[in-house]
Amino acid sequence: MGKKAIVLCGGGAKGAYQIGAWKALRKLGFYPDIVTGTSVGALNGALIVMNDYNKAYKIWSNIDMKQIFSFKNVDITKANSMVELTKLLISQGESASYEPLLKLIENNIDEEKVRNSKIDFGFVTTQFLPLKKIEMYKEDIPKGYLNDYIMASAACYPYMKSYTIGKKSYIDGGYFDNMPIQMAIKKGATDIVVIDLKAVGKKNIYQDLPAKITYIESNHNLGGIMIFDKDNSIKNIKLGYLDTMKAFNKLEGDLYAFKKGSNIKASKYENFLEDTYKKIFSSLPIINPFENLSKKSLEDHLKKYNRELFTINSNVLTSLEFAAYIFDIDILKVYSFNSLAKKVNKLIKKQSLNNDYKDVLNLKKSINKVLEPGGLKNIAETYDKKNLVCYVISLLNKDLLTINEKKEIWAFSILVPDVILGAIFASSYIKKIKTL
């Protein structure tokens, strides 16, 4: 009989996301026979094996920098970004102490509960100098040393000092295997859920694995791997929950979470989006290199979400998501297609009211002066995308576009493709409403 497994990737402060995913898996009835992890995945994995969700939530919803590591004579809470943390590291001339994290592990991981659990548990660490991958299952670890080896797996060198057990030193397991799928398969896993934090670390690529694998990952920035902040962690717990429900087809969407059936409702707008798209781009073989480049930019942006460009089963919902994200609509709620579309439409109307688009006109002048693509992108990102969306909609609402107006949209397609896709949706949605 096949076994279920959860594989937890490393990712430091992003680890709260895995707790949200675990909450969803519990609701879905996915209870693992095996748990493997690396770094923070080893810590979270031990909590899953203990079956103590409340403790896991309490840890992550109250976490801060002081609970993870410390520098001598420096207030670690001053580091609000990875850049600032790196500067602190350089100013100290040595790695941070792991003592706070070790204390957190010792106060929360019950070795006896982990050992007595029926769930198989294993994780990866790295022997330091010479570098060597170390895979450990709970039965391989001497009694009394489980927490030490979890600490060894999570010692994120060079930000944190290496951890010594006996005569050997260890650092983060992500140096060799940040996604220990094979460890789960060795224990007989045939149905595996991988919770990927998209963090730095080696991920081994395997072909033809004898298991069904479901990957859970976020399309949002989960924050810096070493910046521990309780508010960000609470947000990531919610994202982990929503993304897991989407991975198991209980919700829909990429950037946002939609109720089931939203894609079908969105499909009614496909023809309107295709008509708007054809107003911008020629359906003939494209000769103009500028037009071809702008079209490719939109296609490449959509491919990030495994979507094709306005074909059958067009990405109406994805285009709505781009518009909603630009207008800062809450990503942590569950929407119907109509509820989010109406919210976007309302915000666009408010933004467009008495807007003279002076900043957009200034952007157009800047574009004319700068030829290098990198320079163009830097210029575009300094402008308010909300105003850009509204301006493009004002162009798309015209019966016909002049060649110069098309060129403007082509330029924006290269620089800020999400703006154009969001504007295409919003313009099409308005037209569809008017026909009702």
Protein backbone atom coordinates (compact mmCIF):
# COMPACT_ATOMS: atom_id res chain seq x y z
CA MET A 1 0.00 0.00 0.00
CA GLY A 2 1.34 3.43 -0.95
CA LYS A 3 2.46 5.99 1.59
CA LYS A 4 1.85 9.74 1.76
CA ALA A 5 4.69 12.16 2.38
CA ILE A 6 5.27 15.85 2.96
CA VAL A 7 8.60 17.29 1.80
CA LEU A 8 9.53 20.66 3.33
CA CYS A 9 12.12 22.79 1.56
CA GLY A 10 14.45 25.19 3.35
CA GLY A 11 13.83 28.93 3.26
CA GLY A 12 14.41 30.47 6.67
CA ALA A 13 11.86 33.15 7.55
CA LYS A 14 9.61 32.00 4.70
CA GLY A 15 8.91 28.85 6.69
CA ALA A 16 5.61 30.17 8.06
CA TYR A 17 4.18 29.43 4.59
CA GLN A 18 4.62 25.70 5.28
CA ILE A 19 2.49 25.92 8.41
CA GLY A 20 -0.38 27.41 6.39
CA ALA A 21 0.03 24.65 3.82
CA TRP A 22 -0.03 22.05 6.59
CA LYS A 23 -3.28 23.54 7.93
CA ALA A 24 -4.87 23.09 4.50
CA LEU A 25 -3.54 19.54 4.13
CA ARG A 26 -5.11 18.66 7.48
CA LYS A 27 -8.43 20.06 6.27
CA LEU A 28 -8.10 18.08 3.03
CA GLY A 29 -7.45 14.86 4.95
CA PHE A 30 -3.87 14.51 3.73
CA TYR A 31 -2.10 12.97 6.73
CA PRO A 32 1.51 11.97 6.04
CA ASP A 33 3.18 8.68 6.76
CA ILE A 34 6.54 10.31 6.07
CA VAL A 35 7.93 13.84 6.57
CA THR A 36 11.31 14.99 5.26
CA GLY A 37 12.81 18.46 5.34
CA THR A 38 15.83 20.71 5.13
CA SER A 39 16.78 23.62 7.39
CA VAL A 40 13.56 25.35 8.52
CA GLY A 41 11.83 22.37 6.89
CA ALA A 42 13.47 20.15 9.49
CA LEU A 43 12.08 22.31 12.31
CA ASN A 44 8.60 22.48 10.77
CA GLY A 45 8.81 18.79 9.96
CA ALA A 46 9.37 17.91 13.61
CA LEU A 47 6.28 19.94 14.57
CA ILE A 48 4.23 18.07 11.94
CA VAL A 49 5.49 14.71 13.23
CA MET A 50 4.48 15.84 16.74
CA ASN A 51 1.06 16.73 15.24
CA ASP A 52 1.09 20.05 17.11
CA TYR A 53 -0.36 22.65 14.75
CA ASN A 54 -1.24 25.05 17.57
CA LYS A 55 2.36 25.14 18.75
CA ALA A 56 3.60 25.67 15.18
CA TYR A 57 1.17 28.54 14.65
CA LYS A 58 2.11 30.12 17.98
CA ILE A 59 5.82 29.99 17.13
CA TRP A 60 5.44 31.59 13.71
CA SER A 61 2.78 34.14 14.60
CA ASN A 62 5.02 35.52 17.38
CA ILE A 63 8.44 35.19 15.79
CA ASP A 64 11.02 37.97 15.58
CA MET A 65 14.72 38.40 14.81
CA LYS A 66 15.86 38.09 18.43
CA GLN A 67 14.39 34.57 18.63
CA ILE A 68 16.59 33.34 15.80
CA PHE A 69 20.11 34.76 16.16
CA SER A 70 22.16 37.54 17.70
CA PHE A 71 25.30 39.58 17.15
CA LYS A 72 27.59 40.83 19.89
CA ASN A 73 26.87 44.43 20.87
CA VAL A 74 24.36 44.92 17.99
CA ASP A 75 20.58 45.09 18.09
CA ILE A 76 19.56 42.50 15.48
CA THR A 77 16.10 44.09 15.13
CA LYS A 78 17.71 46.99 13.27
CA ALA A 79 18.00 44.74 10.21
CA ASN A 80 14.81 45.19 8.19
CA SER A 81 16.15 43.73 4.95
CA MET A 82 18.69 41.20 3.73
CA VAL A 83 20.94 44.11 2.68
CA GLU A 84 20.93 45.57 6.20
CA LEU A 85 21.48 42.14 7.73
CA THR A 86 24.47 41.56 5.43
CA LYS A 87 25.92 44.94 6.46
CA LEU A 88 25.60 43.91 10.11
CA LEU A 89 27.35 40.65 9.34
CA ILE A 90 30.23 42.48 7.63
CA SER A 91 30.48 45.08 10.42
CA GLN A 92 30.78 42.34 13.05
CA GLY A 93 33.39 40.43 11.09
CA GLU A 94 31.86 37.11 12.13
CA SER A 95 28.67 35.11 11.80
CA ALA A 96 25.74 35.53 14.18
CA SER A 97 25.23 33.29 17.18
CA TYR A 98 22.77 30.41 16.77
CA GLU A 99 21.98 30.31 20.51
CA PRO A 100 18.51 31.95 20.26
CA LEU A 101 17.40 29.49 17.55
CA LEU A 102 18.78 26.54 19.49
CA LYS A 103 16.78 27.69 22.52
CA LEU A 104 13.62 27.98 20.39
CA ILE A 105 14.14 24.42 19.10
CA GLU A 106 14.81 23.01 22.57
CA ASN A 107 11.75 24.76 24.04
CA ASN A 108 9.36 23.50 21.37
CA ILE A 109 10.51 20.17 19.96
CA ASP A 110 9.69 17.17 22.14
CA GLU A 111 12.16 14.46 21.12
CA GLU A 112 10.12 11.67 22.71
CA LYS A 113 6.99 12.67 20.80
CA VAL A 114 8.92 12.73 17.55
CA ARG A 115 10.49 9.33 18.20
CA ASN A 116 7.23 7.73 19.35
CA SER A 117 5.23 9.07 16.40
CA LYS A 118 4.24 6.54 13.73
CA ILE A 119 5.33 9.10 11.10
CA ASP A 120 8.76 8.49 9.59
CA PHE A 121 10.93 11.61 9.82
CA GLY A 122 14.19 12.56 8.17
CA PHE A 123 16.16 15.64 7.19
CA VAL A 124 19.36 16.87 5.55
CA THR A 125 22.33 18.70 6.99
CA THR A 126 25.80 19.44 5.64
CA GLN A 127 29.05 18.39 7.28
CA PHE A 128 31.33 21.43 7.27
CA LEU A 129 34.91 21.21 6.03
CA PRO A 130 35.10 18.98 4.19
CA LEU A 131 31.62 19.61 2.80
CA LYS A 132 29.54 16.45 2.79
CA LYS A 133 25.82 15.76 2.48
CA ILE A 134 24.35 14.07 5.55
CA GLU A 135 20.89 12.45 5.44
CA MET A 136 19.45 11.46 8.80
CA TYR A 137 16.25 9.64 9.76
CA LYS A 138 15.09 9.84 13.35
CA GLU A 139 16.16 6.26 14.03
CA ASP A 140 19.72 7.12 12.93
CA ILE A 141 20.11 9.92 15.49
CA PRO A 142 21.52 9.05 18.93
CA LYS A 143 18.98 9.58 21.70
CA GLY A 144 19.19 13.03 23.19
CA TYR A 145 20.60 14.57 20.02
CA LEU A 146 17.53 15.13 17.82
CA ASN A 147 17.35 18.85 18.54
CA ASP A 148 21.08 19.22 17.95
CA TYR A 149 20.80 17.75 14.47
CA ILE A 150 17.74 19.88 13.64
CA MET A 151 19.87 22.88 14.65
CA ALA A 152 22.66 21.54 12.45
CA SER A 153 20.28 21.36 9.48
CA ALA A 154 19.17 24.97 10.04
CA ALA A 155 22.57 26.62 10.66
CA CYS A 156 22.38 29.06 7.75
CA TYR A 157 26.08 29.78 7.22
CA PRO A 158 27.57 32.39 6.71
CA TYR A 159 24.79 34.40 8.39
CA MET A 160 24.92 31.98 11.30
CA LYS A 161 27.86 30.12 12.80
CA SER A 162 28.33 26.44 12.06
CA TYR A 163 27.01 24.04 14.70
CA THR A 164 29.30 21.48 16.31
CA ILE A 165 28.20 18.04 17.49
CA GLY A 166 31.03 16.00 18.97
CA LYS A 167 34.08 16.69 16.84
CA LYS A 168 32.18 17.55 13.64
CA SER A 169 30.72 20.87 12.49
CA TYR A 170 27.57 21.25 10.41
CA ILE A 171 25.85 23.93 8.34
CA ASP A 172 22.53 24.30 6.50
CA GLY A 173 21.37 21.23 4.59
CA GLY A 174 20.38 23.44 1.65
CA TYR A 175 23.98 23.41 0.45
CA PHE A 176 23.40 19.88 -0.84
CA ASP A 177 19.66 19.16 -0.96
CA ASN A 178 17.02 21.79 -0.26
CA MET A 179 14.21 19.52 -1.48
CA PRO A 180 14.76 16.00 -0.02
CA ILE A 181 12.28 14.09 -2.17
CA GLN A 182 14.49 11.01 -2.43
CA MET A 183 14.54 10.66 1.35
CA ALA A 184 10.74 10.29 1.26
CA ILE A 185 10.87 7.82 -1.62
CA LYS A 186 13.44 5.69 0.23
CA LYS A 187 10.82 5.28 2.95
CA GLY A 188 8.21 4.14 0.44
CA ALA A 189 6.38 7.37 -0.44
CA THR A 190 4.14 7.16 -3.50
CA ASP A 191 2.06 10.33 -2.98
CA ILE A 192 4.23 13.34 -2.13
CA VAL A 193 3.39 16.97 -1.42
CA VAL A 194 6.40 19.28 -1.78
CA ILE A 195 6.09 22.68 -0.08
CA ASP A 196 8.66 24.82 -1.87
CA LEU A 197 9.70 28.18 -0.42
CA LYS A 198 11.63 29.18 -3.57
CA ALA A 199 14.71 29.95 -1.53
CA VAL A 200 18.42 29.74 -2.27
CA GLY A 201 19.67 26.16 -2.05
CA LYS A 202 20.41 23.15 -4.21
CA LYS A 203 17.39 21.32 -5.62
CA ASN A 204 18.22 18.00 -7.19
CA ILE A 205 16.32 17.21 -10.38
CA TYR A 206 15.04 13.64 -10.71
CA GLN A 207 13.47 11.94 -13.70
CA ASP A 208 10.75 9.28 -13.67
CA LEU A 209 10.25 9.18 -9.93
CA PRO A 210 7.98 6.33 -8.74
CA ALA A 211 5.59 8.72 -7.01
CA LYS A 212 2.88 11.27 -7.65
CA ILE A 213 4.23 14.69 -6.71
CA THR A 214 2.17 17.81 -5.97
CA TYR A 215 4.16 21.03 -5.70
CA ILE A 216 2.91 23.90 -3.54
CA GLU A 217 4.58 27.28 -4.04
CA SER A 218 3.66 30.94 -3.99
CA ASN A 219 3.48 33.46 -6.82
CA HIS A 220 4.07 36.17 -4.21
CA ASN A 221 7.25 37.40 -2.55
CA LEU A 222 7.39 35.72 0.86
CA GLY A 223 10.13 38.04 2.14
CA GLY A 224 13.82 37.72 2.93
CA ILE A 225 15.01 34.33 4.15
CA MET A 226 16.64 35.78 7.26
CA ILE A 227 14.18 38.58 8.08
CA PHE A 228 11.89 37.15 10.75
CA ASP A 229 8.78 39.27 11.32
CA LYS A 230 5.52 38.09 12.89
CA ASP A 231 3.23 40.17 10.64
CA ASN A 232 4.89 38.79 7.51
CA SER A 233 4.72 35.29 8.95
CA ILE A 234 0.98 35.56 9.60
CA LYS A 235 0.52 36.72 6.01
CA ASN A 236 2.60 33.79 4.72
CA ILE A 237 0.59 31.29 6.79
CA LYS A 238 -2.56 32.52 5.03
CA LEU A 239 -0.89 32.36 1.62
CA GLY A 240 0.31 28.82 2.28
CA TYR A 241 -3.23 27.77 3.14
CA LEU A 242 -4.77 29.36 0.03
CA ASP A 243 -2.09 28.06 -2.34
CA THR A 244 -2.53 24.52 -1.03
CA MET A 245 -6.29 24.69 -1.54
CA LYS A 246 -5.60 25.84 -5.11
CA ALA A 247 -3.07 23.04 -5.68
CA PHE A 248 -5.78 20.53 -4.74
CA ASN A 249 -8.39 22.24 -6.94
CA LYS A 250 -10.55 23.49 -4.09
CA LEU A 251 -9.91 27.09 -5.16
CA GLU A 252 -8.82 28.72 -8.44
CA GLY A 253 -6.42 31.48 -9.42
CA ASP A 254 -2.72 32.38 -9.47
CA LEU A 255 -2.16 35.68 -7.65
CA TYR A 256 -5.58 35.59 -5.98
CA ALA A 257 -7.83 32.86 -4.61
CA PHE A 258 -11.18 32.39 -6.34
CA LYS A 259 -14.17 30.24 -5.55
CA LYS A 260 -14.62 27.19 -7.75
CA GLY A 261 -16.39 28.01 -10.99
CA SER A 262 -14.79 31.44 -11.38
CA ASN A 263 -12.85 30.35 -14.47
CA ILE A 264 -16.09 29.33 -16.15
CA LYS A 265 -17.71 32.67 -15.34
CA ALA A 266 -14.61 34.50 -16.57
CA SER A 267 -14.69 32.60 -19.88
CA LYS A 268 -17.76 34.62 -20.92
CA TYR A 269 -15.42 37.56 -21.39
CA GLU A 270 -12.94 35.76 -23.67
CA ASN A 271 -14.25 37.21 -26.92
CA PHE A 272 -14.16 40.73 -25.52
CA LEU A 273 -10.53 40.34 -24.43
CA GLU A 274 -9.56 38.85 -27.78
CA ASP A 275 -11.23 41.73 -29.64
CA THR A 276 -9.36 44.29 -27.51
CA TYR A 277 -6.10 42.44 -28.05
CA LYS A 278 -6.63 42.43 -31.83
CA LYS A 279 -7.14 46.19 -31.70
CA ILE A 280 -3.55 46.51 -30.44
CA PHE A 281 -1.80 43.78 -32.40
CA SER A 282 -2.08 42.63 -35.98
CA SER A 283 -3.35 39.12 -36.63
CA LEU A 284 -1.19 38.97 -39.77
CA PRO A 285 2.40 37.69 -39.75
CA ILE A 286 4.16 40.45 -37.80
CA ILE A 287 6.76 42.41 -39.76
CA ASN A 288 7.31 45.28 -37.33
CA PRO A 289 10.08 44.13 -34.89
CA PHE A 290 8.79 46.54 -32.21
CA GLU A 291 5.31 45.01 -32.33
CA ASN A 292 6.77 41.51 -32.33
CA LEU A 293 8.91 42.27 -29.26
CA SER A 294 5.98 43.75 -27.34
CA LYS A 295 3.76 40.77 -28.14
CA LYS A 296 6.49 38.39 -26.98
CA SER A 297 6.80 40.35 -23.73
CA LEU A 298 3.13 39.71 -22.95
CA GLU A 299 3.47 36.04 -23.85
CA ASP A 300 6.54 35.61 -21.65
CA HIS A 301 4.80 37.30 -18.71
CA LEU A 302 1.83 34.97 -18.98
CA LYS A 303 4.05 31.89 -19.26
CA LYS A 304 5.21 32.57 -15.70
CA TYR A 305 1.70 31.44 -14.73
CA ASN A 306 1.51 28.64 -17.31
CA ARG A 307 -0.93 30.60 -19.41
CA GLU A 308 -1.17 31.05 -23.17
CA LEU A 309 -1.91 34.39 -24.81
CA PHE A 310 -5.64 34.81 -25.56
CA THR A 311 -6.21 31.41 -27.08
CA ILE A 312 -9.01 28.91 -26.37
CA ASN A 313 -9.66 28.92 -22.61
CA SER A 314 -8.06 32.33 -22.53
CA ASN A 315 -6.55 33.75 -19.36
CA VAL A 316 -9.33 36.19 -18.45
CA LEU A 317 -8.97 35.42 -14.76
CA THR A 318 -5.20 35.98 -14.83
CA SER A 319 -5.60 39.35 -16.53
CA LEU A 320 -8.12 40.35 -13.85
CA GLU A 321 -5.55 39.33 -11.23
CA PHE A 322 -2.90 41.62 -12.73
CA ALA A 323 -5.31 44.56 -12.55
CA ALA A 324 -6.33 43.71 -8.98
CA TYR A 325 -2.71 43.40 -7.86
CA ILE A 326 -1.80 46.77 -9.37
CA PHE A 327 -4.67 48.35 -7.43
CA ASP A 328 -3.46 46.78 -4.16
CA ILE A 329 -6.53 44.64 -3.52
CA ASP A 330 -6.13 42.23 -0.60
CA ILE A 331 -4.52 38.95 -1.72
CA LEU A 332 -5.53 37.06 1.43
CA LYS A 333 -9.27 36.87 0.77
CA VAL A 334 -11.29 34.46 -1.38
CA TYR A 335 -13.22 36.09 -4.23
CA SER A 336 -15.75 35.19 -6.87
CA PHE A 337 -14.96 36.38 -10.39
CA ASN A 338 -17.67 39.03 -10.25
CA SER A 339 -16.79 40.32 -6.78
CA LEU A 340 -13.15 40.98 -7.71
CA ALA A 341 -13.99 42.34 -11.18
CA LYS A 342 -16.47 44.82 -9.71
CA LYS A 343 -13.95 45.89 -7.07
CA VAL A 344 -11.31 46.52 -9.75
CA ASN A 345 -13.78 48.42 -11.93
CA LYS A 346 -14.79 50.65 -9.01
CA LEU A 347 -11.16 51.50 -8.17
CA ILE A 348 -10.34 52.26 -11.81
CA LYS A 349 -13.28 54.65 -12.06
CA LYS A 350 -12.13 56.41 -8.90
CA GLN A 351 -8.53 56.62 -10.15
CA SER A 352 -9.62 57.93 -13.55
CA LEU A 353 -11.82 60.68 -12.14
CA ASN A 354 -10.32 64.10 -12.98
CA ASN A 355 -6.98 62.44 -13.91
CA ASP A 356 -5.04 64.50 -16.46
CA TYR A 357 -2.31 61.82 -16.79
CA LYS A 358 0.50 64.39 -16.51
CA ASP A 359 2.84 61.77 -15.09
CA VAL A 360 2.09 59.43 -18.01
CA LEU A 361 2.83 62.21 -20.48
CA ASN A 362 6.14 62.79 -18.71
CA LEU A 363 6.85 59.07 -18.96
CA LYS A 364 6.20 59.17 -22.71
CA LYS A 365 8.71 62.00 -23.06
CA SER A 366 11.27 60.01 -21.07
CA ILE A 367 10.73 56.94 -23.25
CA ASN A 368 11.44 58.99 -26.35
CA LYS A 369 14.76 60.09 -24.85
CA VAL A 370 16.00 56.69 -23.67
CA LEU A 371 16.81 53.87 -26.06
CA GLU A 372 18.38 51.20 -23.85
CA PRO A 373 15.77 48.61 -22.69
CA GLY A 374 17.23 48.53 -19.17
CA GLY A 375 16.95 52.27 -18.89
CA LEU A 376 13.39 52.20 -20.17
CA LYS A 377 12.35 49.64 -17.57
CA ASN A 378 13.89 51.64 -14.74
CA ILE A 379 11.99 54.74 -15.89
CA ALA A 380 8.66 52.90 -16.17
CA GLU A 381 8.93 51.45 -12.67
CA THR A 382 9.12 54.93 -11.13
CA TYR A 383 5.59 55.74 -12.29
CA ASP A 384 2.29 54.80 -10.67
CA LYS A 385 0.99 51.68 -12.42
CA LYS A 386 -2.56 52.60 -11.47
CA ASN A 387 -2.35 55.74 -13.62
CA LEU A 388 -0.75 53.76 -16.44
CA VAL A 389 -3.64 51.27 -16.40
CA CYS A 390 -6.19 54.06 -16.51
CA TYR A 391 -4.34 55.82 -19.34
CA VAL A 392 -4.15 52.65 -21.46
CA ILE A 393 -7.86 52.03 -20.85
CA SER A 394 -8.57 55.55 -22.14
CA LEU A 395 -6.77 54.59 -25.36
CA LEU A 396 -8.48 51.22 -25.66
CA ASN A 397 -11.90 52.82 -25.30
CA LYS A 398 -11.39 54.58 -28.62
CA ASP A 399 -13.01 53.04 -31.71
CA LEU A 400 -9.67 52.98 -33.54
CA LEU A 401 -6.09 53.34 -32.43
CA THR A 402 -3.61 55.41 -34.42
CA ILE A 403 -0.24 53.87 -35.18
CA ASN A 404 1.39 56.19 -32.62
CA GLU A 405 -1.10 55.12 -29.95
CA LYS A 406 -0.37 51.47 -30.77
CA LYS A 407 3.33 52.17 -30.43
CA GLU A 408 2.74 53.65 -26.98
CA ILE A 409 0.95 50.48 -25.90
CA TRP A 410 3.68 48.34 -27.46
CA ALA A 411 6.29 50.23 -25.43
CA PHE A 412 4.33 49.70 -22.22
CA SER A 413 3.92 46.01 -23.14
CA ILE A 414 7.68 45.63 -23.10
CA LEU A 415 8.24 47.64 -19.93
CA VAL A 416 5.23 46.74 -17.77
CA PRO A 417 3.31 43.81 -19.36
CA ASP A 418 1.11 43.40 -16.28
CA VAL A 419 -0.23 46.94 -16.85
CA ILE A 420 -1.29 46.13 -20.43
CA LEU A 421 -2.88 42.79 -19.51
CA GLY A 422 -4.74 44.42 -16.60
CA ALA A 423 -5.91 47.27 -18.86
CA ILE A 424 -7.08 44.82 -21.55
CA PHE A 425 -9.19 43.03 -18.96
CA ALA A 426 -10.65 46.21 -17.46
CA SER A 427 -11.49 47.74 -20.83
CA SER A 428 -13.12 44.49 -21.99
CA TYR A 429 -15.06 44.09 -18.75
CA ILE A 430 -16.50 47.60 -19.11
CA LYS A 431 -17.57 46.86 -22.70
CA LYS A 432 -19.17 43.57 -21.68
CA ILE A 433 -21.15 45.29 -18.88
CA LYS A 434 -22.45 47.87 -21.35
CA THR A 435 -23.88 45.10 -23.53
CA LEU A 436 -25.90 43.60 -20.68
